Amino acid sequence: MRTAFIDMLTAEAGRDKSLFLLTADLGFSVLERFRDACPDRFLNVGIAEQNMIGVAAGLAHSGFTVFAYSLVNFATLRCFEQIRNDVCNHDLPVRIVGVGGGMVYSTQGYTHHGLEDIGVMRTLPGMVVLAPGDPHEAAEATRLLCTDRRPAYLRLGKSGERRIHASSVNFEIGRAITVAEGRDCTLISTGCMLAYALDIADRLRADHSVHARVLSMHTIKPIDVDAVTAAARETGAVITVEEHSVGSGLGSVVGDLIATHGLGPVAFTKFGTPDGYRSGAGTHDHLRGLMGNLEDVVIDLLRRKGATQRGTRLLP
C-alpha cells in the first residue's frame, strides 16, 4: 500500500505544484522517489511528529496541500493535540498518513501496533478517515486526497498486501465498494482485513452454503449510510471486520448507525480486538489468530439471526 501511495502522490505532484510531503524520519526506501522528483516540496523534519503537524499547518495556511507521513501511532497519538488545534480547528487540507495500520509491524510489539487510531481520529471535527483495503484503493484514495480540501487521515498497511481489485477501482470517498455479493449476511471490512474477509466468505460458502456479502468500507468517516442500511435490511446479519479495537472503530460506527436509524431486526456483531487486548509480539498471522476465528463468529451470528426471524428474543 505504501508503494501505491507514494507512486500516486509523486505522479500527482508532477501536475500539481501545491502538493507537499513531510516525514518524521521514516519512509526510507519508499519516499525517495517523491524527494527526487520534487526536492523543493519534500522535508524530513526528524523524529518530531508534533513539530511536523505544526509545519504542515503552516504550509497549508500558505496554500499547500500537505501529506504528513509516519507510523500510525506516531502520526496520530503522539501529536493528537496538534492535529486537533492546528489542523482541524482551522479546517486545513493536511493529510495525516499513518503506515502500519493494525498489527502489520507485528514483531515490533504493542508500541508499534495501530489499534486505536481510527477511534481517535474519527472524533475530530471535519476529519475524513480512510482505510483502503488493497493497493488499488490506496492509490485512488491518495489521488482524491490531492484535491479534497478537508482534513484527512489515511490509514495504510505496509507492503505486500494482496491486490483484491483486478485493475483500477471506482473509488469514492464515503461510498463502500461491494466486493462480493450475498444475501445471508454481510461482512463489512475496513483496511487490510479485506482479503481475510473474502477468504472467510469463500469458506462460509464451501463449508456451510452461506453466501456472504463483502463490503470494503474504506471510508469510516463519513460512513456510507446507504450501504449499511442495505446490508441490514437485505441480509439481516451484519459483521464488522477490522484490525482495530472494536470499542471505537468501524464496529462502533456501524453499530451506532444501526441503532440510531432503526435498522432492526438485524443480528449484529463486531470482529476485531476486544477492550483490554494487548497484542504482544510475533508474526502477523499469529497476532491475528489471537483475535479469534471469524468463520465461527459468523455461524454463531447466523444462529441468532434465525432465532430472531422465528420470533425468539435475540440474546446478547
Protein backbone atom coordinates (compact mmCIF):
# COMPACT_ATOMS: atom_id res chain seq x y z
CA MET A 1 0.00 0.00 0.00
CA ARG A 2 2.74 2.47 0.86
CA THR A 3 4.27 1.98 -2.59
CA ALA A 4 0.90 2.60 -4.25
CA PHE A 5 0.53 5.72 -2.11
CA ILE A 6 3.90 7.24 -2.99
CA ASP A 7 3.65 6.34 -6.68
CA MET A 8 0.30 8.10 -6.98
CA LEU A 9 1.38 11.10 -4.91
CA THR A 10 4.55 11.54 -6.99
CA ALA A 11 2.56 11.37 -10.22
CA GLU A 12 0.01 13.91 -8.96
CA ALA A 13 2.76 16.21 -7.67
CA GLY A 14 4.18 16.39 -11.18
CA ARG A 15 0.93 18.04 -12.26
CA ASP A 16 0.04 19.92 -9.08
CA LYS A 17 2.70 22.19 -7.60
CA SER A 18 0.70 22.66 -4.39
CA LEU A 19 1.38 19.14 -3.08
CA PHE A 20 3.94 18.87 -0.27
CA LEU A 21 5.24 15.80 1.59
CA LEU A 22 6.60 15.76 5.16
CA THR A 23 8.06 12.81 7.03
CA ALA A 24 9.18 12.36 10.62
CA ASP A 25 12.37 10.47 9.74
CA LEU A 26 10.51 7.49 8.26
CA GLY A 27 9.84 6.05 4.81
CA PHE A 28 13.40 5.20 3.77
CA SER A 29 13.38 3.19 0.50
CA VAL A 30 9.79 4.40 -0.05
CA LEU A 31 9.68 8.21 -0.12
CA GLU A 32 12.87 8.82 -2.10
CA ARG A 33 11.03 8.80 -5.42
CA PHE A 34 8.96 11.82 -4.32
CA ARG A 35 12.03 13.52 -2.82
CA ASP A 36 13.99 13.08 -6.06
CA ALA A 37 11.12 14.24 -8.27
CA CYS A 38 10.07 17.22 -6.08
CA PRO A 39 13.02 18.14 -3.83
CA ASP A 40 11.63 21.61 -3.08
CA ARG A 41 8.37 20.10 -1.78
CA PHE A 42 9.78 17.40 0.50
CA LEU A 43 11.01 17.82 4.05
CA ASN A 44 12.20 15.36 6.70
CA VAL A 45 11.51 17.13 10.00
CA GLY A 46 13.33 14.48 12.04
CA ILE A 47 11.87 12.50 14.92
CA ALA A 48 9.49 15.32 15.83
CA GLU A 49 5.93 14.40 14.93
CA GLN A 50 4.29 17.21 16.89
CA ASN A 51 6.50 19.72 15.11
CA MET A 52 5.67 18.03 11.79
CA ILE A 53 1.98 18.80 12.26
CA GLY A 54 2.75 22.42 13.09
CA VAL A 55 4.88 22.70 9.94
CA ALA A 56 2.10 21.02 7.92
CA ALA A 57 -0.45 23.52 9.22
CA GLY A 58 1.81 26.43 8.34
CA LEU A 59 2.36 25.13 4.82
CA ALA A 60 -1.38 24.55 4.39
CA HIS A 61 -2.04 28.14 5.52
CA SER A 62 0.37 29.17 2.76
CA GLY A 63 -1.57 27.36 0.05
CA PHE A 64 -0.10 23.86 0.02
CA THR A 65 -1.94 20.55 0.33
CA VAL A 66 0.25 18.66 2.77
CA PHE A 67 0.79 14.94 3.36
CA ALA A 68 2.42 14.20 6.74
CA TYR A 69 3.81 10.65 6.87
CA SER A 70 4.76 8.47 9.85
CA LEU A 71 3.88 5.20 11.58
CA VAL A 72 0.24 5.04 12.67
CA ASN A 73 0.76 5.59 16.39
CA PHE A 74 3.38 8.29 15.93
CA ALA A 75 1.30 10.13 13.33
CA THR A 76 -1.89 10.16 15.40
CA LEU A 77 -1.48 9.54 19.12
CA ARG A 78 1.82 11.33 19.66
CA CYS A 79 0.57 14.56 18.09
CA PHE A 80 -3.18 14.40 18.62
CA GLU A 81 -3.37 17.85 20.24
CA GLN A 82 -1.55 19.46 17.32
CA ILE A 83 -3.86 17.77 14.82
CA ARG A 84 -6.88 18.96 16.78
CA ASN A 85 -5.77 22.55 17.32
CA ASP A 86 -3.55 23.33 14.32
CA VAL A 87 -5.29 21.34 11.56
CA CYS A 88 -8.93 20.66 12.42
CA ASN A 89 -9.60 23.92 14.24
CA HIS A 90 -8.55 25.77 11.07
CA ASP A 91 -10.08 23.24 8.64
CA LEU A 92 -6.81 22.85 6.73
CA PRO A 93 -6.01 20.43 3.86
CA VAL A 94 -3.49 18.36 5.83
CA ARG A 95 -3.44 14.59 5.30
CA ILE A 96 -2.12 12.54 8.20
CA VAL A 97 -0.72 9.40 6.56
CA GLY A 98 -0.33 6.52 9.02
CA VAL A 99 1.56 3.49 7.77
CA GLY A 100 1.30 0.19 9.63
CA GLY A 101 -2.41 0.06 10.44
CA GLY A 102 -3.32 -2.78 12.76
CA MET A 103 -0.55 -5.21 13.67
CA VAL A 104 1.47 -5.36 10.45
CA TYR A 105 4.58 -4.27 12.37
CA SER A 106 3.99 -7.46 14.30
CA THR A 107 7.40 -8.21 15.73
CA GLN A 108 7.89 -4.64 16.96
CA GLY A 109 5.35 -5.14 19.73
CA TYR A 110 2.46 -3.11 21.09
CA THR A 111 4.21 0.27 20.82
CA HIS A 112 4.18 -0.11 17.02
CA HIS A 113 0.69 -1.58 16.62
CA GLY A 114 -2.11 0.72 15.48
CA LEU A 115 -5.27 -0.45 17.25
CA GLU A 116 -6.84 2.80 18.46
CA ASP A 117 -6.11 5.28 15.66
CA ILE A 118 -9.45 5.10 13.82
CA GLY A 119 -11.35 5.70 17.04
CA VAL A 120 -9.17 8.66 17.95
CA MET A 121 -9.17 10.32 14.54
CA ARG A 122 -12.89 9.97 13.87
CA THR A 123 -13.65 12.09 16.95
CA LEU A 124 -12.04 15.15 15.37
CA PRO A 125 -14.32 17.76 13.77
CA GLY A 126 -14.32 17.70 9.98
CA MET A 127 -11.76 14.88 9.77
CA VAL A 128 -12.17 12.39 6.90
CA VAL A 129 -10.97 8.90 7.89
CA LEU A 130 -9.89 6.46 5.17
CA ALA A 131 -8.57 2.89 5.43
CA PRO A 132 -8.24 1.39 1.93
CA GLY A 133 -8.48 -2.36 1.51
CA ASP A 134 -5.84 -3.01 -1.14
CA PRO A 135 -3.15 -1.16 -3.15
CA HIS A 136 -5.63 -0.08 -5.86
CA GLU A 137 -7.85 1.53 -3.23
CA ALA A 138 -4.81 3.13 -1.58
CA ALA A 139 -3.78 4.72 -4.88
CA GLU A 140 -7.27 6.06 -5.57
CA ALA A 141 -7.65 7.40 -2.04
CA THR A 142 -4.36 9.25 -2.45
CA ARG A 143 -5.43 10.71 -5.79
CA LEU A 144 -8.69 12.04 -4.35
CA LEU A 145 -6.96 13.50 -1.30
CA CYS A 146 -4.77 15.58 -3.60
CA THR A 147 -7.80 17.75 -4.41
CA ASP A 148 -10.14 17.28 -1.43
CA ARG A 149 -9.86 20.31 0.87
CA ARG A 150 -10.89 18.69 4.17
CA PRO A 151 -8.51 17.48 6.90
CA ALA A 152 -7.98 13.77 6.39
CA TYR A 153 -6.44 10.67 7.90
CA LEU A 154 -5.20 7.98 5.51
CA ARG A 155 -4.54 4.66 7.23
CA LEU A 156 -2.29 2.34 5.21
CA GLY A 157 -0.93 -1.15 5.70
CA LYS A 158 2.72 -1.73 5.00
CA SER A 159 3.79 -3.70 1.93
CA GLY A 160 2.93 -6.93 0.16
CA GLU A 161 -0.85 -6.64 0.57
CA ARG A 162 -2.89 -8.73 -1.83
CA ARG A 163 -4.47 -6.91 -4.74
CA ILE A 164 -8.19 -7.56 -4.47
CA HIS A 165 -9.33 -5.50 -7.43
CA ALA A 166 -8.12 -6.66 -10.82
CA SER A 167 -7.44 -3.12 -12.00
CA SER A 168 -8.32 0.45 -11.05
CA VAL A 169 -11.45 0.61 -8.93
CA ASN A 170 -14.40 3.01 -8.82
CA PHE A 171 -13.41 4.70 -5.57
CA GLU A 172 -15.43 7.47 -3.97
CA ILE A 173 -14.86 8.93 -0.53
CA GLY A 174 -17.88 7.94 1.58
CA ARG A 175 -19.02 5.12 -0.73
CA ALA A 176 -18.35 1.49 0.14
CA ILE A 177 -17.35 -1.00 -2.55
CA THR A 178 -19.26 -4.27 -2.88
CA VAL A 179 -16.53 -6.86 -3.43
CA ALA A 180 -18.72 -9.98 -3.17
CA GLU A 181 -22.48 -10.44 -3.41
CA GLY A 182 -24.55 -12.38 -0.91
CA ARG A 183 -27.90 -12.31 0.93
CA ASP A 184 -27.31 -14.47 4.02
CA CYS A 185 -25.11 -11.98 5.89
CA THR A 186 -22.76 -9.07 5.28
CA LEU A 187 -19.11 -8.79 6.23
CA ILE A 188 -18.21 -5.09 6.39
CA SER A 189 -14.44 -4.88 6.26
CA THR A 190 -12.07 -1.95 6.54
CA GLY A 191 -8.39 -1.65 5.77
CA CYS A 192 -6.16 -4.67 5.32
CA MET A 193 -8.79 -7.10 6.65
CA LEU A 194 -10.47 -7.13 3.23
CA ALA A 195 -8.50 -10.10 1.91
CA TYR A 196 -9.21 -12.04 5.12
CA ALA A 197 -12.93 -11.24 4.92
CA LEU A 198 -13.06 -12.53 1.34
CA ASP A 199 -11.25 -15.73 2.34
CA ILE A 200 -13.77 -16.30 5.12
CA ALA A 201 -16.64 -15.65 2.70
CA ASP A 202 -15.24 -18.38 0.44
CA ARG A 203 -15.03 -20.79 3.37
CA LEU A 204 -18.56 -19.98 4.50
CA ARG A 205 -19.87 -20.78 1.05
CA ALA A 206 -17.85 -24.01 0.76
CA ASP A 207 -18.37 -25.31 4.31
CA HIS A 208 -21.85 -24.04 5.19
CA SER A 209 -23.54 -22.95 1.93
CA VAL A 210 -23.65 -19.43 3.39
CA HIS A 211 -23.44 -16.64 0.84
CA ALA A 212 -21.88 -13.60 2.45
CA ARG A 213 -21.88 -10.12 1.01
CA VAL A 214 -18.48 -8.46 1.46
CA LEU A 215 -18.12 -4.68 1.57
CA SER A 216 -14.89 -2.73 1.55
CA MET A 217 -15.75 0.14 3.88
CA HIS A 218 -12.66 2.14 3.02
CA THR A 219 -14.21 5.32 4.43
CA ILE A 220 -15.06 5.20 8.11
CA LYS A 221 -15.91 8.89 8.23
CA PRO A 222 -18.15 9.84 6.54
CA ILE A 223 -19.68 6.36 6.68
CA ASP A 224 -21.74 5.02 3.79
CA VAL A 225 -25.19 5.04 5.39
CA ASP A 226 -26.88 3.59 2.29
CA ALA A 227 -24.57 0.57 2.14
CA VAL A 228 -25.04 -0.24 5.82
CA THR A 229 -28.81 0.22 5.54
CA ALA A 230 -28.98 -2.11 2.54
CA ALA A 231 -26.83 -4.71 4.30
CA ALA A 232 -29.01 -4.69 7.41
CA ARG A 233 -32.33 -4.85 5.56
CA GLU A 234 -31.36 -7.22 2.76
CA THR A 235 -29.20 -9.74 4.65
CA GLY A 236 -30.40 -9.38 8.26
CA ALA A 237 -26.95 -10.08 9.72
CA VAL A 238 -24.00 -7.70 9.79
CA ILE A 239 -20.45 -8.38 10.99
CA THR A 240 -17.81 -5.65 11.01
CA VAL A 241 -14.26 -6.85 10.39
CA GLU A 242 -11.31 -4.70 11.43
CA GLU A 243 -7.77 -4.95 12.78
CA HIS A 244 -8.56 -2.36 15.42
CA SER A 245 -10.23 -2.11 18.79
CA VAL A 246 -13.93 -2.92 18.50
CA GLY A 247 -14.64 -0.33 21.18
CA SER A 248 -14.06 2.67 18.95
CA GLY A 249 -13.51 1.69 15.32
CA LEU A 250 -15.66 0.64 12.38
CA GLY A 251 -17.84 -1.62 14.54
CA SER A 252 -18.80 1.24 16.81
CA VAL A 253 -19.71 3.44 13.85
CA VAL A 254 -21.84 0.77 12.19
CA GLY A 255 -23.48 -0.24 15.48
CA ASP A 256 -24.41 3.37 16.22
CA LEU A 257 -25.84 3.73 12.73
CA ILE A 258 -27.96 0.58 13.06
CA ALA A 259 -29.33 1.77 16.39
CA THR A 260 -29.98 5.40 15.50
CA HIS A 261 -31.53 4.61 12.12
CA GLY A 262 -33.76 1.84 13.48
CA LEU A 263 -32.46 -0.76 11.03
CA GLY A 264 -33.59 -3.79 13.06
CA PRO A 265 -34.39 -6.50 13.44
CA VAL A 266 -30.81 -7.29 12.49
CA ALA A 267 -28.24 -9.60 14.06
CA PHE A 268 -25.03 -7.63 14.56
CA THR A 269 -21.57 -8.25 15.96
CA LYS A 270 -18.07 -6.83 15.77
CA PHE A 271 -14.88 -8.72 14.94
CA GLY A 272 -11.62 -7.09 15.97
CA THR A 273 -9.52 -6.66 19.06
CA PRO A 274 -11.50 -6.57 22.34
CA ASP A 275 -11.13 -3.97 25.06
CA GLY A 276 -8.10 -4.78 27.15
CA TYR A 277 -6.37 -6.61 24.29
CA ARG A 278 -2.57 -6.50 24.42
CA SER A 279 -1.13 -7.55 21.10
CA GLY A 280 2.33 -8.65 22.26
CA ALA A 281 4.84 -9.59 19.55
CA GLY A 282 5.04 -12.35 16.98
CA THR A 283 4.20 -12.98 13.37
CA HIS A 284 1.29 -11.09 11.89
CA ASP A 285 -0.66 -14.32 11.35
CA HIS A 286 -0.11 -15.34 14.98
CA LEU A 287 -1.37 -12.00 16.31
CA ARG A 288 -4.39 -12.07 14.04
CA GLY A 289 -5.15 -15.56 15.27
CA LEU A 290 -5.44 -14.21 18.81
CA MET A 291 -8.45 -12.19 17.63
CA GLY A 292 -10.45 -15.40 17.16
CA ASN A 293 -11.99 -17.24 14.23
CA LEU A 294 -14.24 -15.09 12.07
CA GLU A 295 -15.92 -18.11 10.48
CA ASP A 296 -17.13 -19.30 13.89
CA VAL A 297 -18.31 -15.79 14.76
CA VAL A 298 -20.38 -15.60 11.58
CA ILE A 299 -22.01 -19.01 12.13
CA ASP A 300 -22.92 -18.06 15.70
CA LEU A 301 -24.44 -14.81 14.48
CA LEU A 302 -26.49 -16.61 11.84
CA ARG A 303 -27.95 -18.85 14.55
CA ARG A 304 -29.00 -15.69 16.38
CA LYS A 305 -30.43 -14.30 13.16
CA GLY A 306 -32.51 -17.47 12.72
CA ALA A 307 -33.81 -17.21 16.27
CA THR A 308 -34.82 -13.60 15.67
CA GLN A 309 -36.67 -14.44 12.46
CA ARG A 310 -38.61 -17.14 14.37
CA GLY A 311 -39.67 -14.53 16.88
CA THR A 312 -37.34 -15.66 19.66
CA ARG A 313 -35.72 -12.92 21.72
CA LEU A 314 -32.29 -12.02 20.37
CA LEU A 315 -29.83 -12.95 23.08
CA PRO A 316 -26.89 -10.63 23.86
